[in-house]
Amino acid sequence: MPSSSNGIRWTAHEHEHIERGSDWFWALGIAAAALAAISFLFGNALFGVLIIVAAVTLGIFAKKPPPLMEFEISDRGIRTGEVMHRYEEIISFWVEEHDANPPILLIDTTKWLSPNLIIELEHVDAKEVRAFLAERVEEVPMKEPVAHKILEFFGL
């Protein structure tokens, strides 16, 4: 957890990896095959192919462990990997602390494709992050988006 007057840096995984057993992959394959077969029976072959491609993609992403990323909070903004989110693009932030899990940093941005950032604060002091960001961005209570929780459930 290196930090300095210039900012705070740490490395963490992009998301938590959940190891899936063979039963999960069999269930995914059976569900995808059934939905694709129903789609073909109703004459919608393109949707059936889309279901199969989506299931294969989901299986590949669920099997692969997440990459280790570098995060940095500095005077310029918040960097996630190679992407810099300047403070002008950030609407608000919130540090949500759980008892059992590591705290998470929730960031609301003006970006269209990624309006919410969820960053785990596993190897960094959450109070230090909150104090650093409170000087630069408005702190507004918020919760983790439901879509993110659904993706976590599927291991993505």
N, C-alpha and C. Protein backbone atom coordinates (compact mmCIF):
# COMPACT_ATOMS: atom_id res chain seq x y z
N MET A 1 0.83 -1.17 0.00
CA MET A 1 0.00 0.00 0.00
C MET A 1 0.88 1.25 0.00
N PRO A 2 1.68 1.44 -1.04
CA PRO A 2 2.49 2.64 -1.08
C PRO A 2 1.64 3.87 -1.27
N SER A 3 1.90 4.88 -0.48
CA SER A 3 1.20 6.15 -0.64
C SER A 3 2.17 7.27 -0.36
N SER A 4 1.85 8.41 -0.89
CA SER A 4 2.70 9.58 -0.67
C SER A 4 1.83 10.81 -0.75
N SER A 5 2.45 11.97 -0.70
CA SER A 5 1.69 13.21 -0.83
C SER A 5 1.13 13.35 -2.24
N ASN A 6 1.72 12.62 -3.21
CA ASN A 6 1.23 12.68 -4.58
C ASN A 6 0.02 11.80 -4.82
N GLY A 7 -0.24 10.86 -3.95
CA GLY A 7 -1.39 10.00 -4.15
C GLY A 7 -1.24 8.65 -3.48
N ILE A 8 -2.12 7.75 -3.87
CA ILE A 8 -2.17 6.41 -3.29
C ILE A 8 -2.13 5.41 -4.44
N ARG A 9 -1.28 4.38 -4.32
CA ARG A 9 -1.17 3.34 -5.34
C ARG A 9 -1.33 1.97 -4.70
N TRP A 10 -1.95 1.04 -5.46
CA TRP A 10 -2.03 -0.33 -5.02
C TRP A 10 -2.36 -1.22 -6.20
N THR A 11 -2.17 -2.51 -6.02
CA THR A 11 -2.55 -3.48 -7.04
C THR A 11 -3.60 -4.40 -6.46
N ALA A 12 -4.53 -4.79 -7.31
CA ALA A 12 -5.60 -5.70 -6.90
C ALA A 12 -6.14 -6.37 -8.15
N HIS A 13 -6.87 -7.44 -7.94
CA HIS A 13 -7.52 -8.10 -9.07
C HIS A 13 -8.69 -7.27 -9.54
N GLU A 14 -8.99 -7.39 -10.82
CA GLU A 14 -10.07 -6.61 -11.42
C GLU A 14 -11.40 -6.93 -10.74
N HIS A 15 -11.60 -8.18 -10.39
CA HIS A 15 -12.78 -8.60 -9.64
C HIS A 15 -12.44 -9.90 -8.92
N GLU A 16 -13.32 -10.31 -8.03
CA GLU A 16 -13.10 -11.55 -7.28
C GLU A 16 -13.36 -12.75 -8.20
N HIS A 17 -12.43 -13.71 -8.19
CA HIS A 17 -12.60 -14.91 -9.02
C HIS A 17 -13.28 -16.00 -8.21
N ILE A 18 -14.34 -16.55 -8.76
CA ILE A 18 -15.05 -17.65 -8.12
C ILE A 18 -14.80 -18.90 -8.96
N GLU A 19 -14.18 -19.89 -8.36
CA GLU A 19 -13.88 -21.13 -9.07
C GLU A 19 -15.17 -21.91 -9.31
N ARG A 20 -15.44 -22.21 -10.56
CA ARG A 20 -16.66 -22.94 -10.94
C ARG A 20 -16.32 -24.40 -11.18
N GLY A 21 -17.18 -25.28 -10.66
CA GLY A 21 -17.00 -26.71 -10.86
C GLY A 21 -17.60 -27.15 -12.19
N SER A 22 -17.38 -28.40 -12.52
CA SER A 22 -17.87 -28.92 -13.79
C SER A 22 -19.40 -28.92 -13.84
N ASP A 23 -20.05 -29.05 -12.69
CA ASP A 23 -21.53 -29.01 -12.66
C ASP A 23 -22.06 -27.68 -13.17
N TRP A 24 -21.39 -26.59 -12.83
CA TRP A 24 -21.82 -25.27 -13.27
C TRP A 24 -21.73 -25.16 -14.79
N PHE A 25 -20.63 -25.68 -15.37
CA PHE A 25 -20.47 -25.62 -16.82
C PHE A 25 -21.47 -26.53 -17.54
N TRP A 26 -21.77 -27.70 -16.95
CA TRP A 26 -22.79 -28.57 -17.52
C TRP A 26 -24.16 -27.88 -17.50
N ALA A 27 -24.48 -27.23 -16.39
CA ALA A 27 -25.77 -26.52 -16.29
C ALA A 27 -25.84 -25.39 -17.31
N LEU A 28 -24.74 -24.66 -17.48
CA LEU A 28 -24.70 -23.59 -18.47
C LEU A 28 -24.92 -24.15 -19.88
N GLY A 29 -24.24 -25.24 -20.20
CA GLY A 29 -24.38 -25.86 -21.52
C GLY A 29 -25.77 -26.39 -21.78
N ILE A 30 -26.37 -27.04 -20.78
CA ILE A 30 -27.72 -27.59 -20.95
C ILE A 30 -28.74 -26.46 -21.11
N ALA A 31 -28.62 -25.42 -20.28
CA ALA A 31 -29.55 -24.29 -20.39
C ALA A 31 -29.41 -23.60 -21.74
N ALA A 32 -28.17 -23.40 -22.20
CA ALA A 32 -27.96 -22.74 -23.49
C ALA A 32 -28.48 -23.61 -24.64
N ALA A 33 -28.23 -24.90 -24.57
CA ALA A 33 -28.71 -25.79 -25.63
C ALA A 33 -30.24 -25.81 -25.67
N ALA A 34 -30.87 -25.84 -24.50
CA ALA A 34 -32.34 -25.86 -24.46
C ALA A 34 -32.92 -24.56 -25.01
N LEU A 35 -32.36 -23.44 -24.60
CA LEU A 35 -32.85 -22.15 -25.10
C LEU A 35 -32.60 -22.00 -26.59
N ALA A 36 -31.45 -22.47 -27.07
CA ALA A 36 -31.15 -22.40 -28.51
C ALA A 36 -32.10 -23.30 -29.29
N ALA A 37 -32.39 -24.50 -28.77
CA ALA A 37 -33.32 -25.42 -29.45
C ALA A 37 -34.71 -24.81 -29.54
N ILE A 38 -35.17 -24.19 -28.46
CA ILE A 38 -36.49 -23.53 -28.47
C ILE A 38 -36.49 -22.40 -29.50
N SER A 39 -35.40 -21.67 -29.54
CA SER A 39 -35.29 -20.57 -30.50
C SER A 39 -35.34 -21.10 -31.94
N PHE A 40 -34.63 -22.21 -32.21
CA PHE A 40 -34.66 -22.80 -33.54
C PHE A 40 -36.07 -23.31 -33.88
N LEU A 41 -36.76 -23.90 -32.89
CA LEU A 41 -38.13 -24.40 -33.12
C LEU A 41 -39.10 -23.28 -33.47
N PHE A 42 -38.89 -22.12 -32.92
CA PHE A 42 -39.75 -20.98 -33.22
C PHE A 42 -39.28 -20.23 -34.47
N GLY A 43 -38.29 -20.76 -35.17
CA GLY A 43 -37.84 -20.17 -36.42
C GLY A 43 -36.90 -18.99 -36.28
N ASN A 44 -36.29 -18.84 -35.13
CA ASN A 44 -35.38 -17.73 -34.92
C ASN A 44 -33.95 -18.28 -34.75
N ALA A 45 -33.36 -18.69 -35.86
CA ALA A 45 -32.04 -19.32 -35.83
C ALA A 45 -30.95 -18.35 -35.37
N LEU A 46 -31.07 -17.11 -35.77
CA LEU A 46 -30.05 -16.13 -35.38
C LEU A 46 -29.99 -15.96 -33.86
N PHE A 47 -31.15 -15.92 -33.21
CA PHE A 47 -31.16 -15.80 -31.75
C PHE A 47 -30.60 -17.07 -31.11
N GLY A 48 -30.87 -18.23 -31.70
CA GLY A 48 -30.31 -19.48 -31.19
C GLY A 48 -28.79 -19.49 -31.25
N VAL A 49 -28.24 -19.00 -32.37
CA VAL A 49 -26.79 -18.92 -32.51
C VAL A 49 -26.23 -17.92 -31.50
N LEU A 50 -26.92 -16.80 -31.31
CA LEU A 50 -26.50 -15.79 -30.34
C LEU A 50 -26.46 -16.37 -28.92
N ILE A 51 -27.43 -17.18 -28.57
CA ILE A 51 -27.45 -17.82 -27.24
C ILE A 51 -26.25 -18.74 -27.06
N ILE A 52 -25.93 -19.50 -28.08
CA ILE A 52 -24.79 -20.43 -28.00
C ILE A 52 -23.48 -19.64 -27.87
N VAL A 53 -23.32 -18.60 -28.69
CA VAL A 53 -22.11 -17.78 -28.62
C VAL A 53 -21.99 -17.12 -27.25
N ALA A 54 -23.11 -16.61 -26.72
CA ALA A 54 -23.08 -15.96 -25.40
C ALA A 54 -22.71 -16.97 -24.31
N ALA A 55 -23.23 -18.20 -24.39
CA ALA A 55 -22.92 -19.21 -23.37
C ALA A 55 -21.45 -19.61 -23.43
N VAL A 56 -20.91 -19.75 -24.63
CA VAL A 56 -19.48 -20.09 -24.76
C VAL A 56 -18.62 -18.96 -24.20
N THR A 57 -18.98 -17.73 -24.53
CA THR A 57 -18.23 -16.57 -24.01
C THR A 57 -18.31 -16.50 -22.50
N LEU A 58 -19.49 -16.72 -21.95
CA LEU A 58 -19.66 -16.71 -20.49
C LEU A 58 -18.81 -17.80 -19.85
N GLY A 59 -18.78 -18.98 -20.45
CA GLY A 59 -17.96 -20.08 -19.92
C GLY A 59 -16.48 -19.76 -19.94
N ILE A 60 -16.02 -19.12 -21.03
CA ILE A 60 -14.59 -18.76 -21.13
C ILE A 60 -14.23 -17.73 -20.06
N PHE A 61 -15.06 -16.70 -19.91
CA PHE A 61 -14.77 -15.66 -18.92
C PHE A 61 -14.89 -16.18 -17.49
N ALA A 62 -15.78 -17.13 -17.24
CA ALA A 62 -15.93 -17.67 -15.89
C ALA A 62 -14.75 -18.55 -15.51
N LYS A 63 -14.10 -19.16 -16.49
CA LYS A 63 -12.96 -20.04 -16.22
C LYS A 63 -11.66 -19.27 -16.01
N LYS A 64 -11.52 -18.13 -16.70
CA LYS A 64 -10.27 -17.38 -16.68
C LYS A 64 -10.19 -16.50 -15.43
N PRO A 65 -9.09 -16.57 -14.66
CA PRO A 65 -8.95 -15.69 -13.49
C PRO A 65 -8.75 -14.24 -13.93
N PRO A 66 -9.20 -13.29 -13.11
CA PRO A 66 -9.09 -11.88 -13.49
C PRO A 66 -7.63 -11.41 -13.44
N PRO A 67 -7.32 -10.42 -14.27
CA PRO A 67 -5.94 -9.91 -14.26
C PRO A 67 -5.67 -9.05 -13.03
N LEU A 68 -4.40 -8.95 -12.68
CA LEU A 68 -3.96 -8.08 -11.60
C LEU A 68 -3.78 -6.68 -12.19
N MET A 69 -4.46 -5.69 -11.60
CA MET A 69 -4.43 -4.33 -12.14
C MET A 69 -3.78 -3.38 -11.14
N GLU A 70 -3.25 -2.31 -11.67
CA GLU A 70 -2.72 -1.24 -10.83
C GLU A 70 -3.76 -0.14 -10.73
N PHE A 71 -3.94 0.36 -9.53
CA PHE A 71 -4.86 1.47 -9.27
C PHE A 71 -4.05 2.60 -8.65
N GLU A 72 -4.44 3.82 -9.00
CA GLU A 72 -3.75 4.98 -8.44
C GLU A 72 -4.75 6.13 -8.28
N ILE A 73 -4.71 6.75 -7.11
CA ILE A 73 -5.49 7.96 -6.87
C ILE A 73 -4.48 9.07 -6.69
N SER A 74 -4.52 10.05 -7.58
CA SER A 74 -3.53 11.13 -7.55
C SER A 74 -4.23 12.48 -7.68
N ASP A 75 -3.44 13.52 -7.80
CA ASP A 75 -4.00 14.86 -7.99
C ASP A 75 -4.66 15.01 -9.35
N ARG A 76 -4.30 14.19 -10.32
CA ARG A 76 -4.89 14.25 -11.67
C ARG A 76 -6.23 13.54 -11.75
N GLY A 77 -6.40 12.46 -10.97
CA GLY A 77 -7.63 11.69 -11.03
C GLY A 77 -7.41 10.28 -10.51
N ILE A 78 -8.26 9.36 -10.96
CA ILE A 78 -8.19 7.97 -10.54
C ILE A 78 -7.82 7.13 -11.75
N ARG A 79 -6.72 6.38 -11.64
CA ARG A 79 -6.27 5.54 -12.74
C ARG A 79 -6.58 4.09 -12.41
N THR A 80 -7.25 3.42 -13.35
CA THR A 80 -7.54 2.00 -13.26
C THR A 80 -6.86 1.33 -14.44
N GLY A 81 -5.76 0.64 -14.17
CA GLY A 81 -4.99 0.05 -15.26
C GLY A 81 -4.36 1.16 -16.10
N GLU A 82 -4.72 1.22 -17.36
CA GLU A 82 -4.17 2.25 -18.26
C GLU A 82 -5.14 3.42 -18.45
N VAL A 83 -6.31 3.37 -17.85
CA VAL A 83 -7.33 4.40 -18.06
C VAL A 83 -7.32 5.41 -16.92
N MET A 84 -7.22 6.68 -17.26
CA MET A 84 -7.25 7.76 -16.27
C MET A 84 -8.63 8.39 -16.27
N HIS A 85 -9.26 8.43 -15.10
CA HIS A 85 -10.55 9.09 -14.91
C HIS A 85 -10.27 10.41 -14.20
N ARG A 86 -10.30 11.50 -14.95
CA ARG A 86 -10.01 12.81 -14.38
C ARG A 86 -11.13 13.24 -13.43
N TYR A 87 -10.80 14.10 -12.49
CA TYR A 87 -11.79 14.55 -11.51
C TYR A 87 -12.95 15.31 -12.17
N GLU A 88 -12.71 15.90 -13.34
CA GLU A 88 -13.79 16.60 -14.05
C GLU A 88 -14.87 15.61 -14.52
N GLU A 89 -14.49 14.34 -14.71
CA GLU A 89 -15.43 13.30 -15.16
C GLU A 89 -16.12 12.60 -14.00
N ILE A 90 -15.66 12.85 -12.78
CA ILE A 90 -16.19 12.14 -11.61
C ILE A 90 -17.23 13.01 -10.93
N ILE A 91 -18.43 12.45 -10.76
CA ILE A 91 -19.53 13.18 -10.12
C ILE A 91 -19.42 13.06 -8.60
N SER A 92 -19.26 11.82 -8.12
CA SER A 92 -19.20 11.59 -6.68
C SER A 92 -18.52 10.25 -6.40
N PHE A 93 -18.26 10.01 -5.12
CA PHE A 93 -17.66 8.73 -4.71
C PHE A 93 -18.26 8.31 -3.37
N TRP A 94 -18.04 7.05 -3.02
CA TRP A 94 -18.44 6.53 -1.73
C TRP A 94 -17.57 5.33 -1.40
N VAL A 95 -17.11 5.22 -0.17
CA VAL A 95 -16.36 4.07 0.29
C VAL A 95 -17.31 3.24 1.14
N GLU A 96 -17.62 2.05 0.64
CA GLU A 96 -18.54 1.15 1.36
C GLU A 96 -17.71 0.09 2.07
N GLU A 97 -17.87 0.04 3.39
CA GLU A 97 -17.09 -0.90 4.18
C GLU A 97 -18.01 -2.00 4.71
N HIS A 98 -17.59 -3.25 4.46
CA HIS A 98 -18.32 -4.42 4.96
C HIS A 98 -17.51 -5.04 6.08
N ASP A 99 -18.18 -5.85 6.88
CA ASP A 99 -17.46 -6.53 7.97
C ASP A 99 -16.59 -7.66 7.45
N ALA A 100 -17.13 -8.51 6.57
CA ALA A 100 -16.41 -9.69 6.13
C ALA A 100 -15.55 -9.44 4.89
N ASN A 101 -15.99 -8.56 4.01
CA ASN A 101 -15.31 -8.33 2.74
C ASN A 101 -14.40 -7.11 2.81
N PRO A 102 -13.45 -7.01 1.85
CA PRO A 102 -12.67 -5.78 1.82
C PRO A 102 -13.56 -4.61 1.40
N PRO A 103 -13.25 -3.40 1.82
CA PRO A 103 -14.06 -2.24 1.43
C PRO A 103 -14.00 -2.03 -0.08
N ILE A 104 -15.03 -1.38 -0.62
CA ILE A 104 -15.04 -1.07 -2.04
C ILE A 104 -15.24 0.42 -2.23
N LEU A 105 -14.62 0.93 -3.29
CA LEU A 105 -14.74 2.33 -3.67
C LEU A 105 -15.73 2.40 -4.83
N LEU A 106 -16.82 3.11 -4.63
CA LEU A 106 -17.84 3.30 -5.66
C LEU A 106 -17.68 4.70 -6.24
N ILE A 107 -17.58 4.79 -7.54
CA ILE A 107 -17.36 6.08 -8.20
C ILE A 107 -18.42 6.26 -9.28
N ASP A 108 -19.09 7.40 -9.26
CA ASP A 108 -20.09 7.75 -10.27
C ASP A 108 -19.45 8.74 -11.22
N THR A 109 -19.42 8.41 -12.52
CA THR A 109 -18.76 9.26 -13.51
C THR A 109 -19.76 9.76 -14.56
N THR A 110 -19.31 10.67 -15.38
CA THR A 110 -20.13 11.19 -16.47
C THR A 110 -19.95 10.38 -17.75
N LYS A 111 -19.12 9.36 -17.72
CA LYS A 111 -18.86 8.56 -18.92
C LYS A 111 -20.09 7.74 -19.28
N TRP A 112 -20.34 7.62 -20.58
CA TRP A 112 -21.55 6.96 -21.05
C TRP A 112 -21.45 5.44 -20.96
N LEU A 113 -20.32 4.86 -21.35
CA LEU A 113 -20.20 3.41 -21.36
C LEU A 113 -19.83 2.81 -20.00
N SER A 114 -19.16 3.56 -19.17
CA SER A 114 -18.82 3.05 -17.83
C SER A 114 -19.15 4.11 -16.78
N PRO A 115 -20.45 4.29 -16.49
CA PRO A 115 -20.83 5.36 -15.56
C PRO A 115 -20.47 5.08 -14.11
N ASN A 116 -20.31 3.80 -13.74
CA ASN A 116 -20.00 3.44 -12.35
C ASN A 116 -18.73 2.62 -12.31
N LEU A 117 -17.83 2.98 -11.42
CA LEU A 117 -16.62 2.20 -11.19
C LEU A 117 -16.72 1.57 -9.81
N ILE A 118 -16.39 0.30 -9.72
CA ILE A 118 -16.36 -0.41 -8.44
C ILE A 118 -14.96 -0.95 -8.26
N ILE A 119 -14.23 -0.45 -7.26
CA ILE A 119 -12.82 -0.82 -7.05
C ILE A 119 -12.67 -1.36 -5.65
N GLU A 120 -12.10 -2.57 -5.54
CA GLU A 120 -11.84 -3.14 -4.22
C GLU A 120 -10.64 -2.46 -3.59
N LEU A 121 -10.75 -2.18 -2.32
CA LEU A 121 -9.67 -1.53 -1.56
C LEU A 121 -9.03 -2.57 -0.64
N GLU A 122 -8.56 -3.66 -1.22
CA GLU A 122 -8.07 -4.79 -0.44
C GLU A 122 -6.74 -4.50 0.26
N HIS A 123 -5.80 -3.86 -0.41
CA HIS A 123 -4.47 -3.65 0.17
C HIS A 123 -4.18 -2.17 0.40
N VAL A 124 -5.22 -1.42 0.76
CA VAL A 124 -5.05 0.01 0.97
C VAL A 124 -5.98 0.44 2.11
N ASP A 125 -5.61 1.48 2.81
CA ASP A 125 -6.40 1.98 3.92
C ASP A 125 -7.60 2.76 3.39
N ALA A 126 -8.80 2.29 3.66
CA ALA A 126 -10.02 2.91 3.15
C ALA A 126 -10.20 4.33 3.70
N LYS A 127 -9.79 4.55 4.93
CA LYS A 127 -9.92 5.90 5.52
C LYS A 127 -9.01 6.90 4.81
N GLU A 128 -7.83 6.44 4.42
CA GLU A 128 -6.90 7.30 3.70
C GLU A 128 -7.45 7.64 2.31
N VAL A 129 -8.05 6.66 1.64
CA VAL A 129 -8.67 6.89 0.33
C VAL A 129 -9.82 7.88 0.46
N ARG A 130 -10.67 7.67 1.46
CA ARG A 130 -11.81 8.57 1.67
C ARG A 130 -11.33 10.00 1.93
N ALA A 131 -10.32 10.16 2.77
CA ALA A 131 -9.82 11.50 3.09
C ALA A 131 -9.20 12.17 1.86
N PHE A 132 -8.47 11.40 1.06
CA PHE A 132 -7.83 11.97 -0.14
C PHE A 132 -8.88 12.41 -1.16
N LEU A 133 -9.89 11.57 -1.38
CA LEU A 133 -10.91 11.91 -2.37
C LEU A 133 -11.88 12.99 -1.88
N ALA A 134 -12.13 13.05 -0.58
CA ALA A 134 -13.07 14.04 -0.05
C ALA A 134 -12.60 15.47 -0.30
N GLU A 135 -11.30 15.66 -0.45
CA GLU A 135 -10.77 16.98 -0.75
C GLU A 135 -11.01 17.39 -2.20
N ARG A 136 -11.32 16.41 -3.07
CA ARG A 136 -11.38 16.68 -4.51
C ARG A 136 -12.74 16.42 -5.14
N VAL A 137 -13.54 15.53 -4.55
CA VAL A 137 -14.81 15.12 -5.13
C VAL A 137 -15.86 15.06 -4.03
N GLU A 138 -17.12 15.24 -4.42
CA GLU A 138 -18.21 15.17 -3.44
C GLU A 138 -18.44 13.72 -3.01
N GLU A 139 -18.63 13.53 -1.71
CA GLU A 139 -18.90 12.20 -1.17
C GLU A 139 -20.40 12.05 -1.00
N VAL A 140 -20.99 11.08 -1.72
CA VAL A 140 -22.43 10.86 -1.71
C VAL A 140 -22.68 9.38 -1.43
N PRO A 141 -23.51 9.04 -0.44
CA PRO A 141 -23.79 7.63 -0.18
C PRO A 141 -24.43 6.95 -1.40
N MET A 142 -23.90 5.79 -1.77
CA MET A 142 -24.46 5.01 -2.87
C MET A 142 -24.22 3.54 -2.60
N LYS A 143 -24.93 2.72 -3.35
CA LYS A 143 -24.81 1.26 -3.20
C LYS A 143 -24.27 0.66 -4.48
N GLU A 144 -23.74 -0.54 -4.34
CA GLU A 144 -23.23 -1.27 -5.50
C GLU A 144 -24.39 -1.58 -6.45
N PRO A 145 -24.23 -1.31 -7.76
CA PRO A 145 -25.33 -1.55 -8.71
C PRO A 145 -25.73 -3.03 -8.76
N VAL A 146 -27.02 -3.26 -8.97
CA VAL A 146 -27.55 -4.62 -9.03
C VAL A 146 -26.93 -5.39 -10.19
N ALA A 147 -26.71 -4.72 -11.31
CA ALA A 147 -26.11 -5.37 -12.48
C ALA A 147 -24.71 -5.90 -12.14
N HIS A 148 -23.97 -5.17 -11.34
CA HIS A 148 -22.63 -5.63 -10.94
C HIS A 148 -22.73 -6.87 -10.04
N LYS A 149 -23.70 -6.88 -9.16
CA LYS A 149 -23.89 -8.06 -8.30
C LYS A 149 -24.29 -9.28 -9.11
N ILE A 150 -25.09 -9.09 -10.15
CA ILE A 150 -25.49 -10.19 -11.02
C ILE A 150 -24.27 -10.73 -11.78
N LEU A 151 -23.44 -9.84 -12.29
CA LEU A 151 -22.22 -10.27 -12.98
C LEU A 151 -21.27 -10.99 -12.03
N GLU A 152 -21.17 -10.53 -10.79
CA GLU A 152 -20.35 -11.24 -9.81
C GLU A 152 -20.88 -12.64 -9.54
N PHE A 153 -22.21 -12.78 -9.51
CA PHE A 153 -22.82 -14.09 -9.30
C PHE A 153 -22.41 -15.06 -10.39
N PHE A 154 -22.34 -14.58 -11.63
CA PHE A 154 -21.95 -15.43 -12.76
C PHE A 154 -20.43 -15.54 -12.91
N GLY A 155 -19.68 -14.89 -12.04
CA GLY A 155 -18.24 -15.02 -12.07
C GLY A 155 -17.56 -14.11 -13.06
N LEU A 156 -18.20 -13.03 -13.45
CA LEU A 156 -17.62 -12.10 -14.42
C LEU A 156 -17.19 -10.82 -13.76
